[in-house]
Protein backbone atom coordinates (compact mmCIF):
# COMPACT_ATOMS: atom_id res chain seq x y z
CA MET A 1 -19.27 -48.99 20.43
CA LEU A 2 -22.80 -49.45 19.06
CA ARG A 3 -24.07 -49.85 22.62
CA SER A 4 -22.31 -46.57 23.57
CA LEU A 5 -23.91 -44.68 20.67
CA THR A 6 -27.32 -46.08 21.58
CA SER A 7 -26.94 -44.99 25.19
CA ARG A 8 -25.89 -41.51 24.14
CA ARG A 9 -28.86 -41.19 21.81
CA SER A 10 -31.23 -42.40 24.51
CA LEU A 11 -29.74 -39.90 26.96
CA GLY A 12 -30.25 -37.09 24.45
CA LEU A 13 -33.87 -38.07 23.84
CA LEU A 14 -34.50 -38.28 27.59
CA GLN A 15 -33.02 -34.82 28.12
CA ALA A 16 -35.16 -33.37 25.33
CA SER A 17 -38.29 -34.99 26.81
CA VAL A 18 -37.53 -33.54 30.24
CA GLU A 19 -37.08 -30.06 28.78
CA HIS A 20 -40.31 -30.42 26.83
CA ALA A 21 -42.20 -31.47 29.97
CA GLN A 22 -40.77 -28.53 31.92
CA GLN A 23 -41.88 -26.13 29.21
CA CYS A 24 -45.40 -27.59 29.21
CA ILE A 25 -45.62 -27.25 32.99
CA ARG A 26 -44.38 -23.67 32.77
CA HIS A 27 -46.97 -22.75 30.16
CA LYS A 28 -49.80 -24.36 32.13
CA SER A 29 -48.79 -22.65 35.35
CA ARG A 30 -48.99 -19.29 33.60
CA LEU A 31 -52.66 -19.67 32.64
CA PRO A 32 -54.78 -17.18 34.60
CA MET A 33 -58.22 -17.93 36.01
CA ASN A 34 -61.49 -16.58 34.63
CA THR A 35 -62.50 -13.83 37.05
CA VAL A 36 -65.12 -12.36 34.65
CA ILE A 37 -63.28 -9.01 34.50
CA LEU A 38 -59.76 -9.46 33.20
CA PHE A 39 -56.86 -7.13 32.42
CA VAL A 40 -54.64 -8.46 29.66
CA PRO A 41 -51.03 -7.12 29.92
CA GLN A 42 -49.33 -5.34 27.05
CA GLN A 43 -47.58 -7.60 24.49
CA GLU A 44 -49.65 -10.63 25.47
CA ALA A 45 -52.50 -12.45 23.74
CA TRP A 46 -54.97 -14.69 25.58
CA VAL A 47 -56.72 -17.39 23.58
CA ILE A 48 -60.28 -18.02 24.83
CA GLU A 49 -62.33 -21.19 24.34
CA ARG A 50 -66.06 -21.53 24.91
CA PHE A 51 -67.34 -25.02 25.55
CA GLY A 52 -63.99 -26.38 24.39
CA LYS A 53 -64.07 -24.50 21.09
CA TYR A 54 -61.98 -21.53 20.02
CA LYS A 55 -63.85 -18.30 20.72
CA ALA A 56 -61.51 -15.29 20.47
CA VAL A 57 -58.13 -13.77 21.26
CA LEU A 58 -58.19 -11.14 24.00
CA GLU A 59 -56.29 -7.95 23.21
CA PRO A 60 -54.30 -6.02 25.88
CA GLY A 61 -56.52 -4.01 28.21
CA LEU A 62 -59.91 -4.57 29.89
CA ASN A 63 -61.87 -7.66 28.86
CA VAL A 64 -65.03 -9.37 30.20
CA LEU A 65 -65.69 -13.12 30.05
CA LEU A 66 -68.61 -15.31 30.96
CA PRO A 67 -67.95 -17.36 34.07
CA PHE A 68 -67.80 -21.18 33.82
CA ILE A 69 -68.37 -20.94 30.06
CA ASP A 70 -65.30 -19.15 28.79
CA THR A 71 -61.88 -20.50 29.66
CA ILE A 72 -58.41 -19.09 29.06
CA LYS A 73 -56.72 -21.87 27.11
CA TYR A 74 -53.42 -20.31 25.96
CA VAL A 75 -51.35 -17.26 26.81
CA GLN A 76 -48.97 -16.20 24.05
CA SER A 77 -46.24 -13.61 24.57
CA LEU A 78 -45.82 -11.25 21.61
CA LYS A 79 -42.33 -10.22 22.68
CA GLU A 80 -39.19 -11.40 20.93
CA ILE A 81 -37.70 -14.24 22.94
CA ALA A 82 -34.31 -15.98 22.83
CA ILE A 83 -34.04 -19.76 22.94
CA ASP A 84 -30.84 -21.74 23.44
CA VAL A 85 -30.29 -24.37 20.78
CA PRO A 86 -28.40 -27.27 22.46
CA HIS A 87 -25.09 -28.70 21.24
CA GLN A 88 -25.42 -30.97 18.26
CA ALA A 89 -23.14 -32.70 15.78
CA ALA A 90 -23.16 -31.84 12.09
CA ILE A 91 -21.08 -33.16 9.19
CA THR A 92 -19.81 -30.77 6.52
CA LEU A 93 -19.57 -31.46 2.81
CA ASP A 94 -15.90 -32.45 3.19
CA ASN A 95 -16.76 -34.97 5.97
CA VAL A 96 -15.64 -32.94 9.00
CA THR A 97 -17.71 -33.40 12.16
CA LEU A 98 -18.62 -30.15 13.92
CA THR A 99 -20.22 -29.75 17.33
CA MET A 100 -22.00 -26.45 17.72
CA ASP A 101 -24.73 -24.66 19.60
CA ALA A 102 -26.66 -21.51 18.79
CA VAL A 103 -29.15 -18.92 19.96
CA LEU A 104 -32.52 -18.56 18.24
CA TYR A 105 -34.55 -15.35 18.38
CA LEU A 106 -38.24 -15.75 17.54
CA LYS A 107 -41.52 -13.89 17.86
CA VAL A 108 -45.16 -14.97 17.83
CA VAL A 109 -46.98 -13.15 15.02
CA ASP A 110 -50.25 -15.15 15.03
CA PRO A 111 -51.49 -16.29 18.48
CA TYR A 112 -54.15 -18.57 16.95
CA LYS A 113 -51.67 -20.52 14.80
CA ALA A 114 -49.13 -20.60 17.62
CA SER A 115 -51.78 -22.14 19.91
CA TYR A 116 -53.44 -24.63 17.55
CA GLY A 117 -50.82 -25.12 14.83
CA VAL A 118 -48.25 -26.86 17.01
CA GLU A 119 -48.28 -28.43 20.45
CA ASP A 120 -45.28 -26.59 21.91
CA PRO A 121 -43.99 -23.73 19.71
CA GLU A 122 -40.66 -23.26 21.46
CA TYR A 123 -39.79 -26.95 21.47
CA ALA A 124 -40.90 -27.36 17.87
CA ILE A 125 -38.91 -24.36 16.64
CA THR A 126 -35.82 -25.57 18.53
CA GLN A 127 -35.99 -29.01 16.90
CA LEU A 128 -36.58 -27.38 13.53
CA ALA A 129 -33.54 -25.14 14.04
CA GLN A 130 -31.34 -28.14 14.85
CA THR A 131 -32.42 -30.15 11.82
CA THR A 132 -32.15 -27.11 9.56
CA MET A 133 -28.66 -26.34 10.80
CA ARG A 134 -27.52 -29.92 10.16
CA SER A 135 -28.99 -29.74 6.68
CA GLU A 136 -27.32 -26.42 5.83
CA ILE A 137 -23.96 -27.49 7.28
CA GLY A 138 -24.01 -30.60 5.09
CA LYS A 139 -24.20 -28.42 1.95
CA ILE A 140 -20.94 -26.52 2.49
CA THR A 141 -17.31 -27.24 3.35
CA LEU A 142 -15.49 -26.42 6.56
CA ASP A 143 -13.70 -23.42 5.04
CA THR A 144 -17.04 -22.03 3.86
CA VAL A 145 -18.46 -22.40 7.37
CA PHE A 146 -15.71 -20.14 8.75
CA ARG A 147 -15.67 -17.77 5.82
CA GLU A 148 -19.43 -17.34 5.32
CA ARG A 149 -20.81 -17.68 8.82
CA GLU A 150 -23.20 -14.78 8.38
CA SER A 151 -24.55 -16.26 5.15
CA LEU A 152 -25.06 -19.57 6.94
CA ASN A 153 -27.10 -17.87 9.67
CA THR A 154 -29.24 -16.13 7.06
CA ALA A 155 -29.87 -19.38 5.18
CA ILE A 156 -30.95 -21.11 8.41
CA VAL A 157 -33.35 -18.26 9.23
CA LEU A 158 -34.96 -18.47 5.78
CA SER A 159 -35.37 -22.24 6.05
CA ILE A 160 -36.91 -21.99 9.55
CA ASN A 161 -39.35 -19.26 8.51
CA HIS A 162 -40.43 -21.28 5.49
CA ALA A 163 -41.32 -24.24 7.72
CA SER A 164 -42.72 -22.31 10.72
CA HIS A 165 -45.08 -20.08 8.75
CA SER A 166 -48.03 -22.35 9.55
CA TRP A 167 -47.18 -22.14 13.26
CA GLY A 168 -47.63 -18.37 13.47
CA ILE A 169 -43.99 -17.93 14.55
CA ASN A 170 -41.39 -15.78 12.84
CA CYS A 171 -37.68 -16.47 13.33
CA MET A 172 -35.94 -13.10 13.69
CA ARG A 173 -32.29 -14.17 13.96
CA TYR A 174 -30.16 -17.25 14.30
CA GLU A 175 -26.63 -16.95 15.68
CA ILE A 176 -24.08 -19.78 15.91
CA ARG A 177 -22.58 -19.32 19.35
CA ASP A 178 -19.93 -21.99 19.76
CA MET A 179 -18.24 -24.36 17.34
CA LYS A 180 -15.94 -27.24 18.27
CA LEU A 181 -13.70 -29.19 15.92
CA PRO A 182 -11.94 -32.55 16.32
CA ALA A 183 -8.43 -32.33 17.78
CA LYS A 184 -6.72 -33.53 14.59
CA VAL A 185 -8.58 -30.99 12.50
CA GLN A 186 -7.56 -28.22 14.89
CA GLU A 187 -3.91 -29.31 14.67
CA ALA A 188 -4.07 -29.36 10.87
CA MET A 189 -5.65 -25.91 10.81
CA GLN A 190 -3.01 -24.57 13.20
CA THR A 191 -0.25 -25.99 10.98
CA GLN A 192 -1.88 -24.40 7.94
CA VAL A 193 -2.13 -21.05 9.70
CA GLU A 194 1.54 -21.17 10.74
CA ALA A 195 2.59 -22.08 7.18
CA GLU A 196 0.53 -19.21 5.81
CA ARG A 197 2.12 -16.80 8.26
CA LYS A 198 5.62 -17.99 7.35
CA LYS A 199 4.75 -17.59 3.69
CA ARG A 200 3.53 -14.04 4.21
CA ALA A 201 6.63 -13.24 6.29
CA ALA A 202 8.91 -14.60 3.55
CA ILE A 203 7.04 -12.61 0.90
CA LEU A 204 7.28 -9.43 2.94
CA GLU A 205 10.99 -10.01 3.57
CA SER A 206 11.69 -10.59 -0.13
CA GLU A 207 9.70 -7.51 -1.07
CA GLY A 208 11.71 -5.49 1.46
CA ILE A 209 15.00 -6.76 0.01
CA ARG A 210 13.79 -5.97 -3.50
CA GLU A 211 12.76 -2.45 -2.52
CA ALA A 212 16.13 -1.93 -0.81
CA ASP A 213 18.03 -3.11 -3.91
CA ILE A 214 15.92 -0.84 -6.11
CA ASN A 215 16.58 2.12 -3.84
CA VAL A 216 20.34 1.42 -3.85
CA ALA A 217 20.37 1.10 -7.65
CA GLU A 218 18.37 4.30 -8.02
CA GLY A 219 20.80 6.07 -5.69
CA LYS A 220 23.83 4.87 -7.68
CA LYS A 221 22.15 5.88 -10.93
CA ARG A 222 21.35 9.32 -9.59
CA SER A 223 24.88 9.70 -8.23
CA ARG A 224 26.44 8.80 -11.59
CA ILE A 225 24.15 11.22 -13.41
CA LEU A 226 25.05 14.01 -11.02
CA ASN A 227 28.78 13.22 -11.29
CA SER A 228 28.63 13.23 -15.09
CA GLU A 229 26.71 16.49 -15.10
CA ALA A 230 29.25 17.99 -12.68
CA PHE A 231 32.18 16.78 -14.84
CA LYS A 232 30.49 18.16 -17.94
CA ALA A 233 29.95 21.53 -16.28
CA GLU A 234 33.57 21.51 -15.09
CA GLN A 235 34.86 20.78 -18.61
CA VAL A 236 32.64 23.50 -20.10
CA ASN A 237 33.77 26.01 -17.50
CA GLN A 238 37.42 25.03 -17.99
CA ALA A 239 37.13 25.35 -21.78
CA ALA A 240 35.41 28.69 -21.40
CA GLY A 241 38.17 29.85 -19.04
CA GLU A 242 40.90 28.71 -21.42
CA ALA A 243 39.16 30.42 -24.32
CA GLU A 244 38.90 33.64 -22.34
CA ALA A 245 42.56 33.34 -21.31
CA ILE A 246 43.69 32.80 -24.92
CA LEU A 247 41.55 35.71 -26.04
CA ALA A 248 42.98 37.93 -23.30
CA LYS A 249 46.55 36.93 -24.23
CA ALA A 250 45.84 37.63 -27.89
CA LYS A 251 44.39 41.02 -27.05
CA ALA A 252 47.38 41.82 -24.84
CA ARG A 253 49.77 40.68 -27.58
CA ALA A 254 47.97 42.79 -30.14
CA GLN A 255 48.05 45.82 -27.86
CA SER A 256 51.77 45.31 -27.16
CA ILE A 257 52.53 45.05 -30.89
CA GLU A 258 50.49 48.15 -31.52
CA MET A 259 52.33 50.02 -28.76
CA ILE A 260 55.72 48.91 -30.16
CA SER A 261 54.67 50.05 -33.60
CA ASP A 262 53.70 53.44 -32.21
CA ALA A 263 56.99 53.66 -30.32
CA LEU A 264 59.03 52.95 -33.45
CA LYS A 265 57.54 55.99 -35.09
CA ASN A 266 59.21 58.27 -32.51
CA GLU A 267 62.70 59.80 -32.95
CA ASN A 268 64.52 57.55 -30.46
CA GLY A 269 62.26 54.55 -30.96
CA MET A 270 64.80 52.59 -32.98
CA ASN A 271 67.51 53.07 -30.36
CA ALA A 272 65.16 51.88 -27.62
CA VAL A 273 64.24 48.78 -29.58
CA SER A 274 67.89 48.05 -30.29
CA MET A 275 68.65 48.31 -26.60
CA ASN A 276 65.74 45.99 -25.71
CA ILE A 277 66.87 43.37 -28.21
CA ALA A 278 70.39 43.45 -26.86
CA GLU A 279 69.10 42.94 -23.30
CA GLN A 280 66.90 40.00 -24.34
CA TYR A 281 69.81 38.43 -26.22
CA VAL A 282 72.06 38.57 -23.19
CA ALA A 283 69.26 37.34 -20.88
CA ALA A 284 68.57 34.35 -23.12
CA PHE A 285 72.19 33.18 -22.98
CA SER A 286 72.24 33.67 -19.21
CA LYS A 287 69.10 31.55 -18.76
CA LEU A 288 70.42 28.85 -21.06
CA ALA A 289 73.57 28.59 -18.98
CA LYS A 290 71.53 28.10 -15.76
CA GLU A 291 69.06 25.44 -16.99
CA THR A 292 71.44 22.83 -18.48
CA ASN A 293 75.02 21.69 -18.28
CA THR A 294 75.37 21.43 -22.06
CA VAL A 295 75.41 24.86 -23.63
CA VAL A 296 75.95 25.77 -27.26
CA LEU A 297 77.57 29.21 -27.41
CA PRO A 298 79.12 31.26 -30.16
CA ALA A 299 82.91 31.55 -30.34
CA ASN A 300 83.02 35.02 -28.79
CA SER A 301 80.40 34.50 -26.05
CA GLY A 302 82.70 36.02 -23.45
CA ASP A 303 82.74 39.37 -25.22
CA VAL A 304 79.48 41.04 -24.12
CA ALA A 305 80.04 44.12 -26.23
CA ASN A 306 80.56 42.00 -29.30
CA MET A 307 77.32 40.09 -28.54
CA VAL A 308 75.38 43.35 -28.21
CA THR A 309 76.88 44.54 -31.49
CA GLN A 310 75.80 41.33 -33.22
CA ALA A 311 72.28 41.67 -31.87
CA LEU A 312 72.03 45.26 -33.06
CA THR A 313 73.41 44.24 -36.46
CA VAL A 314 70.74 41.54 -36.78
CA TYR A 315 68.03 44.00 -35.84
CA LYS A 316 69.28 46.65 -38.30
CA THR A 317 69.46 44.06 -41.08
CA LEU A 318 65.91 42.98 -40.37
CA SER A 319 64.79 46.60 -40.27
CA LYS A 320 66.37 47.31 -43.68
CA VAL A 321 64.72 44.24 -45.19
CA THR A 322 61.40 45.27 -43.73
CA ASN A 323 61.72 48.86 -44.96
CA SER A 324 62.68 47.74 -48.47
CA SER A 325 59.75 45.37 -48.56
CA ASN A 326 57.43 48.17 -47.49
CA VAL A 327 58.84 50.44 -50.25
CA ASP A 328 58.30 47.74 -52.88
CA ILE A 329 54.74 47.21 -51.71
CA LYS A 330 54.01 50.92 -51.85
CA THR A 331 55.55 51.08 -55.37
CA LEU A 332 53.33 48.28 -56.54
CA GLU A 333 50.31 49.97 -55.05
CA GLU A 334 50.99 53.34 -56.85
CA PRO A 335 49.22 53.91 -60.21
CA GLU A 336 51.20 53.41 -63.42
CA SER A 337 50.76 57.07 -64.45
CA GLN A 338 52.57 58.30 -61.33
CA ARG A 339 55.52 55.97 -61.95
CA THR A 340 56.00 57.15 -65.57
CA SER A 341 55.83 60.78 -64.61
C-alpha cells in the first residue's frame, strides 16, 4: 500500500512538472522580437530589459526600443484569466476525506512583481490555491462545507490574496466546481436525508390531523351554539305567543262579560239568560252521556221540562242573592244621615 501511495504521489508530481514546463514554453513562445518600432496591444504589458537589467514596462500603443540593447523579457496579460485547479484530496475537521477541484480567477495588477516576484505566476497561484483550500477545509466540518460553501470560497480568496500580494497578482474569485465524497459517507448522507424527509412527512401529517380535529371540534361547537340559540328563540317566541293568546282570551272574556252585563239591563235580558242557561244545562248532560259509560244523573233526568225548570230556578235563586248583596252594598255605601231620614 505504501508503494502504491508513493507511485501516485510521484505521478502527481510528474504531471505538475509537465504542466509547468508547458506553461513556460507557452510564455517563451509569446515573446515578440525587438523590431525597434513596436505596437503594444491593449491590456498587455511588456517588460523591457537593457543589458540584462530591468529598464521599463511598455504601455499599450506605439513604443520605440534600441536594437540589440533592449530586449522584451516578459509579456504580461492584464486581463482576468481563469485557471483550472486540479483535483486534490482534503480532510475536514471531522476526518472526512473530500476530493474536489475548482476554478481560480486572477488578474495581474503589477507587471513588474508578476515578472520578477515569482518564476511562473499561474503555476505558483495554482499551488497556493490548492494548499490554501486544504488548509481551510481542515478548519471546518463536512456539514459546514455544504452549508457555507460561499463563505469557504471567500476565505480562500482572502488567504490567496494575502500570500500573492508580493507577486503582483490579485485573486478575483475562487469557485469550488466539483466535490466527491467516499461511498460510505454518501450512503450515510442519503440515509440521513431520507430519515429527515420521513420526519417532515410525519410532522406534516400529524399537523394535518390536528388541524382537521380542531376544525371538526369548532364545527360541533358552532353547531351546538346555533342550536341552543335557535331553541332559546323558539322558547321565547312560544312564550310570547302563549302570553298573547292568554291576553287575547282574557280580553275576549272581559268583553263577553261586559256584553252580558249590558244585555241583562234590557227588558227581556233575564229571559234570554234563563233560556241560555237551560240550553247549556241540557247540552252538558248530553255531552256527559257521550264521553263515558258511567254517568251520574239526577232522578228525573228523563224529564227535560223538569230539568229546564230546575236550571231556571237555580239561576233565579242566584239572581236574588246577587241583587240582595248589591242592595246591602249600596246601603252600606249611603251616608248615615240619609238612612236616618
